[in-house]
Amino acid sequence: MKPTHTITLNSRDKYEGSHNWFQGLEGNGGVLEMDVGQVTLRVGGVKHCGKALTAGTRYIIGGFCLHRKKPESVRMLLADPSNCAGLEAAIVLNPACDFTYSLLANVCEQQGETAKAQEVLEYCLQSVEPRAAKVCYALSIIYMDQGLFCKADQCLQTCLSVDLEDVDALMVAAHQCCAAAMGDSTKEESYYQMIISIPDANLHTLATAYVNLGDLHKDEEVEIEYYNKSLQLKPKKNFMARYNLASALASREQYKPACQTFHEAIGEVHKDGEDDENIAKALQSASLQSNGTAGVIASPRSEFIAGASFATLSRDHGNWMAMKLSQTVIPAHQD
């Protein structure tokens, strides 16, 4: 593989963060701090990245060294990651490159050959690179689909041993292994807390982590704070944060802001359209559990519900999702 290099052009006092991370580098979490004039040189197969820049400006030069008379056959074969035959040929030419195995497994899964994908990934971990993070992550998803949660957790822990700030692995480990299978809410929360402490985590993942933290702290004072933080990070297309926030407000008898937030959540689903049918069914199947209160439920574009009826939206009555209805105005249910 071709060697690559990075040259740092300005001093450390001009910026904060933006450290270089290298897989396999011992100590300091794999992070290498570079100052002006310093250079790193590595073969192309070494996984690396730059951490988030938190202040100032950092200037670098990144370079790649190629051999003029030596064609890169493997790289040419990887140019089309959907070509199964090409990927298999690349593995034959360079069986030590773990990256190709994850690409091949992905193609197999897309073609409905999950068993072959699993075989490819397991072979890579057993015979090529036991700490291949992408391979471990892909295999963890297959294991979870099979209900093999302990095996999935082992794969995810390997990902985190390579990079403790792997937000994808942290999110899956928290939600699937802890919440869905192991029931360890304390461990689950620790993963979410790690995610929100990572400066370069993407906004969608951060927003989701805050929603899940709020869900873990239902009826506690911090619950609403977590939902609001999620909405600050992702003010659009964040249905669950709005729905959960509305639920929390209603349970605290703050009916007016709860009603408004439910209205915003349903309007967002109406405009977004993502998974609209499933969400609409869930909303329509809910009941208001009212006790003789009057009011009407209109379309998402109209007034949502009379404030008095919102007193019935209490956690004491179980499922009280707001309804997403058609343009027809329907009377509220009355006992």
Foldseek 3Di string as FASTA:
>chain_A
DWKKKKAWAAAPVQFDFFWKAWFPDDDPQRTDHDGHGDMDIDHPLIDMDTADTDDGDTDMDMGTDDDPPDDDQLVVLCPDLLDLVSLVVSCVVPVQRLVSLLSNLVNCVVVVNNVVSLVSLVCCLVPHNVLPLSSLQVNLVVCLVVVNLVSSLVSLVSNCVRGVQPLVSLQCCLCRNCVPPPVPNVSSLVSLVSNCVGPPRQLVSVLVSLLVVLVSVQPDPCNLVSLVVSCVSPVAPPLSSLQSNLLSCLQVVVQPVSQVSLLVSLVRLVVPVVVNVVVQVLQAPAALQFEPDWWKAAASVDRGIPSVSSNSSHCVVPDHHHHHDDRDIDTHDYD
